[in-house]
């Protein structure tokens, strides 16, 4: 028994596993560099929280300009029920390769853009537009483009003559400039079919003279002066009627001098037989 104990005590110690000091030192350096300093463990949680907040605000910013149409197209394009799992592989449910060649330009059909409306041509057919162009061309040919405005309405052509071209203020006597304008205009109207309504208009400034107790008499007298001049130019009186509207149909505000000047006018309405049924 004593010999056995002595043998155990005298047994040599097992050799320590060989290890390179250099490797051990490197491992210690790595552990020290990756370790968190005492008291700073909260930094890991703080950095994770900041990262999540930045991601959240980036997502909020991306939804600031949300486009429902594009979002619907995106959802439709990512639909597995429509395209199957091939969307994950980039095949979009097709077995054949996708043709990415540029489209043939001859097959592209662009949508027609709406044509801008000419002022005063709403609800006017093609025949009326042709008449409008013909009247404008002939009025321009007579040198009256600056004195007469031409518009088209359903079944009629409307010519507006500014009152300052025809009459002096509060007068129904045609001026020399007005006589020249109507002389040229009568040549055009003589060749035109239909009947003519001569409309007189005034501003809303009251007038009270021996000849014109109100604007009604003044507007009717101005329309009558224009009609007599056109009749003397060769147009049959049976094709005309005279209307006085006074200030009841303004086209501009009577609060300003320029607006009142626009309201003092004479309109010639050309009515065509097929539109009136005559």
C-alpha atoms as a PDB file:
ATOM      1  CA  UNK A   1       0.000   0.000   0.000  1.00  0.00           C
ATOM      2  CA  UNK A   2       2.798   2.340   0.839  1.00  0.00           C
ATOM      3  CA  UNK A   3       4.568   1.461  -2.303  1.00  0.00           C
ATOM      4  CA  UNK A   4       1.429   2.240  -4.331  1.00  0.00           C
ATOM      5  CA  UNK A   5       1.104   5.672  -2.769  1.00  0.00           C
ATOM      6  CA  UNK A   6       4.675   6.430  -3.436  1.00  0.00           C
ATOM      7  CA  UNK A   7       4.208   5.382  -6.987  1.00  0.00           C
ATOM      8  CA  UNK A   8       1.245   7.720  -7.377  1.00  0.00           C
ATOM      9  CA  UNK A   9       3.034  10.604  -5.771  1.00  0.00           C
ATOM     10  CA  UNK A  10       6.070  10.030  -7.810  1.00  0.00           C
ATOM     11  CA  UNK A  11       4.136   9.744 -11.095  1.00  0.00           C
ATOM     12  CA  UNK A  12       5.124  12.448 -13.494  1.00  0.00           C
ATOM     13  CA  UNK A  13       2.581  15.158 -14.234  1.00  0.00           C
ATOM     14  CA  UNK A  14       0.988  14.991 -17.683  1.00  0.00           C
ATOM     15  CA  UNK A  15       2.508  17.466 -20.028  1.00  0.00           C
ATOM     16  CA  UNK A  16       0.555  20.588 -20.694  1.00  0.00           C
ATOM     17  CA  UNK A  17      -0.893  20.839 -24.186  1.00  0.00           C
ATOM     18  CA  UNK A  18       1.514  22.639 -26.336  1.00  0.00           C
ATOM     19  CA  UNK A  19       0.306  26.038 -27.427  1.00  0.00           C
ATOM     20  CA  UNK A  20       2.025  28.806 -29.138  1.00  0.00           C
ATOM     21  CA  UNK A  21       2.365  31.980 -27.065  1.00  0.00           C
ATOM     22  CA  UNK A  22       1.781  34.008 -30.161  1.00  0.00           C
ATOM     23  CA  UNK A  23      -1.612  32.402 -30.850  1.00  0.00           C
ATOM     24  CA  UNK A  24      -2.685  32.855 -27.254  1.00  0.00           C
ATOM     25  CA  UNK A  25      -1.769  36.520 -27.337  1.00  0.00           C
ATOM     26  CA  UNK A  26      -3.748  37.090 -30.495  1.00  0.00           C
ATOM     27  CA  UNK A  27      -6.818  35.488 -28.970  1.00  0.00           C
ATOM     28  CA  UNK A  28      -6.577  37.714 -25.952  1.00  0.00           C
ATOM     29  CA  UNK A  29      -6.371  40.776 -28.150  1.00  0.00           C
ATOM     30  CA  UNK A  30      -9.518  39.770 -30.028  1.00  0.00           C
ATOM     31  CA  UNK A  31     -11.420  39.150 -26.839  1.00  0.00           C
ATOM     32  CA  UNK A  32     -10.359  42.440 -25.391  1.00  0.00           C
ATOM     33  CA  UNK A  33     -11.365  44.360 -28.510  1.00  0.00           C
ATOM     34  CA  UNK A  34     -14.830  42.773 -28.699  1.00  0.00           C
ATOM     35  CA  UNK A  35     -15.588  43.099 -25.022  1.00  0.00           C
ATOM     36  CA  UNK A  36     -17.838  45.868 -23.773  1.00  0.00           C
ATOM     37  CA  UNK A  37     -16.322  48.178 -21.273  1.00  0.00           C
ATOM     38  CA  UNK A  38     -17.822  47.980 -17.832  1.00  0.00           C
ATOM     39  CA  UNK A  39     -20.740  50.363 -17.418  1.00  0.00           C
ATOM     40  CA  UNK A  40     -21.369  50.805 -21.161  1.00  0.00           C
ATOM     41  CA  UNK A  41     -23.565  47.761 -21.868  1.00  0.00           C
ATOM     42  CA  UNK A  42     -26.496  50.141 -22.545  1.00  0.00           C
ATOM     43  CA  UNK A  43     -24.751  51.365 -25.722  1.00  0.00           C
ATOM     44  CA  UNK A  44     -25.739  48.232 -27.630  1.00  0.00           C
ATOM     45  CA  UNK A  45     -29.430  48.740 -26.861  1.00  0.00           C
ATOM     46  CA  UNK A  46     -29.170  52.456 -27.624  1.00  0.00           C
ATOM     47  CA  UNK A  47     -27.570  51.882 -31.049  1.00  0.00           C
ATOM     48  CA  UNK A  48     -30.195  49.276 -31.946  1.00  0.00           C
ATOM     49  CA  UNK A  49     -32.957  51.701 -30.967  1.00  0.00           C
ATOM     50  CA  UNK A  50     -31.454  54.526 -33.044  1.00  0.00           C
ATOM     51  CA  UNK A  51     -31.138  52.220 -36.058  1.00  0.00           C
ATOM     52  CA  UNK A  52     -34.796  51.218 -35.761  1.00  0.00           C
ATOM     53  CA  UNK A  53     -35.890  54.862 -35.452  1.00  0.00           C
ATOM     54  CA  UNK A  54     -33.906  55.872 -38.552  1.00  0.00           C
ATOM     55  CA  UNK A  55     -35.473  52.993 -40.482  1.00  0.00           C
ATOM     56  CA  UNK A  56     -38.928  53.996 -39.265  1.00  0.00           C
ATOM     57  CA  UNK A  57     -38.553  57.628 -40.331  1.00  0.00           C
ATOM     58  CA  UNK A  58     -37.184  56.600 -43.736  1.00  0.00           C
ATOM     59  CA  UNK A  59     -40.298  54.482 -44.207  1.00  0.00           C
ATOM     60  CA  UNK A  60     -42.528  57.392 -43.152  1.00  0.00           C
ATOM     61  CA  UNK A  61     -40.748  59.660 -45.635  1.00  0.00           C
ATOM     62  CA  UNK A  62     -41.262  57.168 -48.429  1.00  0.00           C
ATOM     63  CA  UNK A  63     -45.026  57.218 -47.774  1.00  0.00           C
ATOM     64  CA  UNK A  64     -45.141  61.034 -47.831  1.00  0.00           C
ATOM     65  CA  UNK A  65     -45.556  60.975 -51.627  1.00  0.00           C
ATOM     66  CA  UNK A  66     -47.815  57.937 -51.786  1.00  0.00           C
ATOM     67  CA  UNK A  67     -49.161  57.154 -55.247  1.00  0.00           C
ATOM     68  CA  UNK A  68     -52.161  54.841 -55.127  1.00  0.00           C
ATOM     69  CA  UNK A  69     -51.884  53.901 -58.793  1.00  0.00           C
ATOM     70  CA  UNK A  70     -48.240  52.925 -58.557  1.00  0.00           C
ATOM     71  CA  UNK A  71     -48.838  51.120 -55.270  1.00  0.00           C
ATOM     72  CA  UNK A  72     -51.672  49.112 -56.825  1.00  0.00           C
ATOM     73  CA  UNK A  73     -49.444  48.256 -59.785  1.00  0.00           C
ATOM     74  CA  UNK A  74     -46.676  47.207 -57.390  1.00  0.00           C
ATOM     75  CA  UNK A  75     -49.025  44.990 -55.378  1.00  0.00           C
ATOM     76  CA  UNK A  76     -50.403  43.478 -58.565  1.00  0.00           C
ATOM     77  CA  UNK A  77     -46.900  42.780 -59.838  1.00  0.00           C
ATOM     78  CA  UNK A  78     -45.971  41.049 -56.595  1.00  0.00           C
ATOM     79  CA  UNK A  79     -49.108  38.919 -56.489  1.00  0.00           C
ATOM     80  CA  UNK A  80     -48.176  35.243 -56.107  1.00  0.00           C
ATOM     81  CA  UNK A  81     -51.743  34.187 -56.824  1.00  0.00           C
ATOM     82  CA  UNK A  82     -51.507  35.787 -60.266  1.00  0.00           C
ATOM     83  CA  UNK A  83     -47.952  34.982 -61.304  1.00  0.00           C
ATOM     84  CA  UNK A  84     -47.055  32.068 -59.017  1.00  0.00           C
ATOM     85  CA  UNK A  85     -43.756  31.607 -57.283  1.00  0.00           C
ATOM     86  CA  UNK A  86     -41.943  32.417 -60.499  1.00  0.00           C
ATOM     87  CA  UNK A  87     -41.996  36.072 -59.440  1.00  0.00           C
ATOM     88  CA  UNK A  88     -39.370  35.190 -56.850  1.00  0.00           C
ATOM     89  CA  UNK A  89     -37.102  33.870 -59.605  1.00  0.00           C
ATOM     90  CA  UNK A  90     -37.742  36.783 -61.959  1.00  0.00           C
ATOM     91  CA  UNK A  91     -39.686  34.706 -64.487  1.00  0.00           C
ATOM     92  CA  UNK A  92     -43.150  36.215 -63.772  1.00  0.00           C
ATOM     93  CA  UNK A  93     -44.842  32.922 -64.596  1.00  0.00           C
ATOM     94  CA  UNK A  94     -43.375  32.694 -68.115  1.00  0.00           C
ATOM     95  CA  UNK A  95     -41.293  29.876 -69.471  1.00  0.00           C
ATOM     96  CA  UNK A  96     -40.176  31.820 -72.522  1.00  0.00           C
ATOM     97  CA  UNK A  97     -37.626  34.646 -72.319  1.00  0.00           C
ATOM     98  CA  UNK A  98     -38.961  38.174 -72.040  1.00  0.00           C
ATOM     99  CA  UNK A  99     -38.593  40.227 -75.211  1.00  0.00           C
ATOM    100  CA  UNK A 100     -36.829  43.442 -74.190  1.00  0.00           C
ATOM    101  CA  UNK A 101     -36.324  44.818 -77.699  1.00  0.00           C
ATOM    102  CA  UNK A 102     -37.588  48.406 -78.260  1.00  0.00           C
ATOM    103  CA  UNK A 103     -41.155  48.619 -79.546  1.00  0.00           C
ATOM    104  CA  UNK A 104     -41.893  49.305 -83.181  1.00  0.00           C
ATOM    105  CA  UNK A 105     -42.619  53.011 -83.395  1.00  0.00           C
ATOM    106  CA  UNK A 106     -45.098  52.433 -86.213  1.00  0.00           C
ATOM    107  CA  UNK A 107     -47.446  50.546 -83.849  1.00  0.00           C
ATOM    108  CA  UNK A 108     -47.602  53.191 -81.127  1.00  0.00           C
ATOM    109  CA  UNK A 109     -50.955  55.013 -80.958  1.00  0.00           C
ATOM    110  CA  UNK A 110     -50.857  58.245 -79.013  1.00  0.00           C
ATOM    111  CA  UNK A 111     -54.130  59.567 -77.538  1.00  0.00           C
ATOM    112  CA  UNK A 112     -55.680  62.485 -79.371  1.00  0.00           C
ATOM    113  CA  UNK A 113     -55.432  65.736 -77.454  1.00  0.00           C
ATOM    114  CA  UNK A 114     -58.538  67.926 -77.255  1.00  0.00           C
ATOM    115  CA  UNK A 115     -58.410  70.816 -79.704  1.00  0.00           C
ATOM    116  CA  UNK A 116     -58.647  74.304 -78.175  1.00  0.00           C
ATOM    117  CA  UNK A 117     -61.999  75.978 -78.658  1.00  0.00           C
ATOM    118  CA  UNK A 118     -62.228  79.175 -80.622  1.00  0.00           C
ATOM    119  CA  UNK A 119     -63.941  81.875 -78.526  1.00  0.00           C
ATOM    120  CA  UNK A 120     -67.658  81.921 -79.255  1.00  0.00           C
ATOM    121  CA  UNK A 121     -67.721  78.615 -81.174  1.00  0.00           C
ATOM    122  CA  UNK A 122     -69.223  76.295 -78.554  1.00  0.00           C
ATOM    123  CA  UNK A 123     -71.808  73.802 -79.890  1.00  0.00           C
ATOM    124  CA  UNK A 124     -71.096  74.819 -83.488  1.00  0.00           C
ATOM    125  CA  UNK A 125     -71.028  72.269 -86.294  1.00  0.00           C
ATOM    126  CA  UNK A 126     -68.483  72.013 -89.094  1.00  0.00           C
ATOM    127  CA  UNK A 127     -70.658  73.901 -91.607  1.00  0.00           C
ATOM    128  CA  UNK A 128     -70.951  76.824 -89.206  1.00  0.00           C
ATOM    129  CA  UNK A 129     -67.191  76.836 -88.618  1.00  0.00           C
ATOM    130  CA  UNK A 130     -66.646  77.050 -92.369  1.00  0.00           C
ATOM    131  CA  UNK A 131     -68.976  80.047 -92.536  1.00  0.00           C
ATOM    132  CA  UNK A 132     -67.148  81.646 -89.620  1.00  0.00           C
ATOM    133  CA  UNK A 133     -63.800  81.260 -91.380  1.00  0.00           C
ATOM    134  CA  UNK A 134     -65.279  82.652 -94.600  1.00  0.00           C
ATOM    135  CA  UNK A 135     -66.679  85.724 -92.803  1.00  0.00           C
ATOM    136  CA  UNK A 136     -63.414  86.357 -90.990  1.00  0.00           C
ATOM    137  CA  UNK A 137     -61.398  86.073 -94.185  1.00  0.00           C
ATOM    138  CA  UNK A 138     -63.669  88.438 -96.086  1.00  0.00           C
ATOM    139  CA  UNK A 139     -63.778  90.963 -93.233  1.00  0.00           C
ATOM    140  CA  UNK A 140     -59.990  90.852 -93.056  1.00  0.00           C
ATOM    141  CA  UNK A 141     -59.892  91.276 -96.844  1.00  0.00           C
ATOM    142  CA  UNK A 142     -62.034  94.423 -96.534  1.00  0.00           C
ATOM    143  CA  UNK A 143     -59.591  95.800 -93.932  1.00  0.00           C
ATOM    144  CA  UNK A 144     -62.179  95.635 -91.140  1.00  0.00           C
ATOM    145  CA  UNK A 145     -60.420  93.137 -88.880  1.00  0.00           C
ATOM    146  CA  UNK A 146     -59.595  95.801 -86.280  1.00  0.00           C
ATOM    147  CA  UNK A 147     -63.129  97.242 -86.169  1.00  0.00           C
ATOM    148  CA  UNK A 148     -65.336  94.136 -86.250  1.00  0.00           C
ATOM    149  CA  UNK A 149     -65.209  91.002 -84.088  1.00  0.00           C
ATOM    150  CA  UNK A 150     -66.770  87.866 -85.548  1.00  0.00           C
ATOM    151  CA  UNK A 151     -68.159  84.942 -83.514  1.00  0.00           C
ATOM    152  CA  UNK A 152     -70.216  81.866 -84.289  1.00  0.00           C
ATOM    153  CA  UNK A 153     -73.153  80.559 -82.310  1.00  0.00           C
ATOM    154  CA  UNK A 154     -75.604  77.796 -83.062  1.00  0.00           C
ATOM    155  CA  UNK A 155     -77.175  78.737 -86.394  1.00  0.00           C
ATOM    156  CA  UNK A 156     -75.873  82.338 -86.504  1.00  0.00           C
ATOM    157  CA  UNK A 157     -72.796  84.445 -87.174  1.00  0.00           C
ATOM    158  CA  UNK A 158     -72.424  87.429 -84.846  1.00  0.00           C
ATOM    159  CA  UNK A 159     -70.471  90.542 -85.848  1.00  0.00           C
ATOM    160  CA  UNK A 160     -69.717  93.071 -83.121  1.00  0.00           C
ATOM    161  CA  UNK A 161     -68.876  96.674 -84.093  1.00  0.00           C
ATOM    162  CA  UNK A 162     -67.468  98.867 -81.352  1.00  0.00           C
ATOM    163  CA  UNK A 163     -69.639 101.920 -80.731  1.00  0.00           C
ATOM    164  CA  UNK A 164     -66.702 104.352 -80.817  1.00  0.00           C
ATOM    165  CA  UNK A 165     -66.128 103.423 -84.484  1.00  0.00           C
ATOM    166  CA  UNK A 166     -69.717 104.284 -85.419  1.00  0.00           C
ATOM    167  CA  UNK A 167     -70.982 107.047 -83.111  1.00  0.00           C
ATOM    168  CA  UNK A 168     -69.911 109.879 -80.916  1.00  0.00           C
ATOM    169  CA  UNK A 169     -70.857 109.748 -77.236  1.00  0.00           C
ATOM    170  CA  UNK A 170     -74.650 110.063 -76.650  1.00  0.00           C
ATOM    171  CA  UNK A 171     -75.238 110.354 -80.424  1.00  0.00           C
ATOM    172  CA  UNK A 172     -76.971 108.203 -83.033  1.00  0.00           C
ATOM    173  CA  UNK A 173     -75.445 109.961 -86.065  1.00  0.00           C
ATOM    174  CA  UNK A 174     -72.912 107.804 -87.922  1.00  0.00           C
ATOM    175  CA  UNK A 175     -69.379 109.185 -87.982  1.00  0.00           C
ATOM    176  CA  UNK A 176     -67.268 109.313 -91.132  1.00  0.00           C
ATOM    177  CA  UNK A 177     -65.317 106.279 -89.940  1.00  0.00           C
ATOM    178  CA  UNK A 178     -68.601 104.467 -89.283  1.00  0.00           C
ATOM    179  CA  UNK A 179     -69.896 105.239 -92.790  1.00  0.00           C
ATOM    180  CA  UNK A 180     -66.725 103.775 -94.317  1.00  0.00           C
ATOM    181  CA  UNK A 181     -66.952 100.637 -92.208  1.00  0.00           C
ATOM    182  CA  UNK A 182     -70.629 100.026 -93.082  1.00  0.00           C
ATOM    183  CA  UNK A 183     -70.037 100.738 -96.768  1.00  0.00           C
ATOM    184  CA  UNK A 184     -67.456  97.947 -96.915  1.00  0.00           C
ATOM    185  CA  UNK A 185     -69.539  95.654 -94.724  1.00  0.00           C
ATOM    186  CA  UNK A 186     -72.642  96.055 -96.904  1.00  0.00           C
ATOM    187  CA  UNK A 187     -70.782  94.530 -99.873  1.00  0.00           C
ATOM    188  CA  UNK A 188     -70.079  91.438 -97.815  1.00  0.00           C
ATOM    189  CA  UNK A 189     -73.617  91.120 -96.396  1.00  0.00           C
ATOM    190  CA  UNK A 190     -75.262  91.568 -99.779  1.00  0.00           C
ATOM    191  CA  UNK A 191     -73.713  88.286-100.940  1.00  0.00           C
ATOM    192  CA  UNK A 192     -74.545  86.470 -97.714  1.00  0.00           C
ATOM    193  CA  UNK A 193     -77.752  84.408 -97.378  1.00  0.00           C
ATOM    194  CA  UNK A 194     -80.140  84.726 -94.459  1.00  0.00           C
ATOM    195  CA  UNK A 195     -81.590  87.605 -92.496  1.00  0.00           C
ATOM    196  CA  UNK A 196     -79.957  90.243 -90.300  1.00  0.00           C
ATOM    197  CA  UNK A 197     -80.847  91.419 -86.801  1.00  0.00           C
ATOM    198  CA  UNK A 198     -79.293  94.785 -85.955  1.00  0.00           C
ATOM    199  CA  UNK A 199     -78.886  95.088 -82.170  1.00  0.00           C
ATOM    200  CA  UNK A 200     -78.062  98.342 -80.377  1.00  0.00           C
ATOM    201  CA  UNK A 201     -76.391  98.318 -76.920  1.00  0.00           C
ATOM    202  CA  UNK A 202     -75.386 101.102 -74.505  1.00  0.00           C
ATOM    203  CA  UNK A 203     -73.686 101.431 -71.133  1.00  0.00           C
ATOM    204  CA  UNK A 204     -75.655 102.053 -67.947  1.00  0.00           C
ATOM    205  CA  UNK A 205     -74.970 105.789 -67.640  1.00  0.00           C
ATOM    206  CA  UNK A 206     -78.383 107.507 -67.616  1.00  0.00           C
ATOM    207  CA  UNK A 207     -79.283 109.792 -70.503  1.00  0.00           C
ATOM    208  CA  UNK A 208     -82.175 112.250 -70.658  1.00  0.00           C
ATOM    209  CA  UNK A 209     -82.383 114.494 -73.711  1.00  0.00           C
ATOM    210  CA  UNK A 210     -85.198 115.725 -75.921  1.00  0.00           C
ATOM    211  CA  UNK A 211     -84.418 113.074 -78.532  1.00  0.00           C
ATOM    212  CA  UNK A 212     -83.342 110.248 -76.195  1.00  0.00           C
ATOM    213  CA  UNK A 213     -85.289 110.169 -72.926  1.00  0.00           C
ATOM    214  CA  UNK A 214     -83.393 106.966 -71.947  1.00  0.00           C
ATOM    215  CA  UNK A 215     -80.853 104.469 -73.197  1.00  0.00           C
ATOM    216  CA  UNK A 216     -83.641 102.441 -74.792  1.00  0.00           C
ATOM    217  CA  UNK A 217     -84.316 105.147 -77.374  1.00  0.00           C
ATOM    218  CA  UNK A 218     -80.576 105.689 -77.897  1.00  0.00           C
ATOM    219  CA  UNK A 219     -79.827 101.997 -78.517  1.00  0.00           C
ATOM    220  CA  UNK A 220     -82.782 101.615 -80.904  1.00  0.00           C
ATOM    221  CA  UNK A 221     -81.826 104.801 -82.801  1.00  0.00           C
ATOM    222  CA  UNK A 222     -78.244 103.582 -83.251  1.00  0.00           C
ATOM    223  CA  UNK A 223     -79.431 100.222 -84.545  1.00  0.00           C
ATOM    224  CA  UNK A 224     -81.804 102.020 -86.945  1.00  0.00           C
ATOM    225  CA  UNK A 225     -78.980 104.230 -88.262  1.00  0.00           C
ATOM    226  CA  UNK A 226     -76.872 101.141 -89.040  1.00  0.00           C
ATOM    227  CA  UNK A 227     -79.838  99.411 -90.728  1.00  0.00           C
ATOM    228  CA  UNK A 228     -80.580 102.442 -92.949  1.00  0.00           C
ATOM    229  CA  UNK A 229     -76.948 102.619 -94.036  1.00  0.00           C
ATOM    230  CA  UNK A 230     -76.883  98.926 -94.938  1.00  0.00           C
ATOM    231  CA  UNK A 231     -80.126  99.285 -96.879  1.00  0.00           C
ATOM    232  CA  UNK A 232     -78.606 102.158 -98.831  1.00  0.00           C
ATOM    233  CA  UNK A 233     -75.709  99.821 -99.599  1.00  0.00           C
ATOM    234  CA  UNK A 234     -78.010  97.420-101.452  1.00  0.00           C
ATOM    235  CA  UNK A 235     -79.400  95.077 -98.786  1.00  0.00           C
ATOM    236  CA  UNK A 236     -83.141  94.478 -98.881  1.00  0.00           C
ATOM    237  CA  UNK A 237     -85.084  95.949 -95.972  1.00  0.00           C
ATOM    238  CA  UNK A 238     -87.146  92.752 -95.834  1.00  0.00           C
ATOM    239  CA  UNK A 239     -84.066  90.904 -94.590  1.00  0.00           C
ATOM    240  CA  UNK A 240     -83.584  93.154 -91.551  1.00  0.00           C
ATOM    241  CA  UNK A 241     -85.009  93.859 -88.142  1.00  0.00           C
ATOM    242  CA  UNK A 242     -83.878  96.376 -85.551  1.00  0.00           C
ATOM    243  CA  UNK A 243     -83.605  95.669 -81.804  1.00  0.00           C
ATOM    244  CA  UNK A 244     -82.639  98.029 -78.962  1.00  0.00           C
ATOM    245  CA  UNK A 245     -81.340  96.443 -75.737  1.00  0.00           C
ATOM    246  CA  UNK A 246     -80.124  99.596 -73.925  1.00  0.00           C
ATOM    247  CA  UNK A 247     -77.809  98.454 -71.079  1.00  0.00           C
ATOM    248  CA  UNK A 248     -79.607  95.167 -70.351  1.00  0.00           C
ATOM    249  CA  UNK A 249     -76.956  92.933 -71.981  1.00  0.00           C
ATOM    250  CA  UNK A 250     -73.501  94.144 -70.935  1.00  0.00           C
ATOM    251  CA  UNK A 251     -70.373  92.222 -71.944  1.00  0.00           C
ATOM    252  CA  UNK A 252     -68.088  94.042 -69.485  1.00  0.00           C
ATOM    253  CA  UNK A 253     -68.332  95.840 -66.167  1.00  0.00           C
ATOM    254  CA  UNK A 254     -69.885  99.284 -66.278  1.00  0.00           C
ATOM    255  CA  UNK A 255     -67.806 100.292 -63.258  1.00  0.00           C
ATOM    256  CA  UNK A 256     -64.853 101.316 -65.452  1.00  0.00           C
ATOM    257  CA  UNK A 257     -64.494 103.556 -68.476  1.00  0.00           C
ATOM    258  CA  UNK A 258     -63.001 100.725 -70.553  1.00  0.00           C
ATOM    259  CA  UNK A 259     -65.882  98.423 -69.639  1.00  0.00           C
ATOM    260  CA  UNK A 260     -68.501 101.012 -70.570  1.00  0.00           C
ATOM    261  CA  UNK A 261     -66.754 101.526 -73.904  1.00  0.00           C
ATOM    262  CA  UNK A 262     -67.051  97.805 -74.663  1.00  0.00           C
ATOM    263  CA  UNK A 263     -70.743  97.822 -73.788  1.00  0.00           C
ATOM    264  CA  UNK A 264     -71.450 100.651 -76.270  1.00  0.00           C
ATOM    265  CA  UNK A 265     -71.671  98.533 -79.417  1.00  0.00           C
ATOM    266  CA  UNK A 266     -73.826  97.418 -82.351  1.00  0.00           C
ATOM    267  CA  UNK A 267     -74.143  93.723 -83.165  1.00  0.00           C
ATOM    268  CA  UNK A 268     -75.200  92.355 -86.538  1.00  0.00           C
ATOM    269  CA  UNK A 269     -76.615  88.820 -86.232  1.00  0.00           C
ATOM    270  CA  UNK A 270     -76.652  86.830 -89.480  1.00  0.00           C
ATOM    271  CA  UNK A 271     -79.343  84.118 -89.286  1.00  0.00           C
ATOM    272  CA  UNK A 272     -79.283  81.387 -91.907  1.00  0.00           C
ATOM    273  CA  UNK A 273     -82.493  79.936 -93.418  1.00  0.00           C
ATOM    274  CA  UNK A 274     -81.758  76.259 -92.596  1.00  0.00           C
ATOM    275  CA  UNK A 275     -81.188  77.168 -88.916  1.00  0.00           C
ATOM    276  CA  UNK A 276     -84.449  79.134 -88.548  1.00  0.00           C
ATOM    277  CA  UNK A 277     -86.607  76.892 -90.763  1.00  0.00           C
ATOM    278  CA  UNK A 278     -87.536  79.776 -93.123  1.00  0.00           C
END
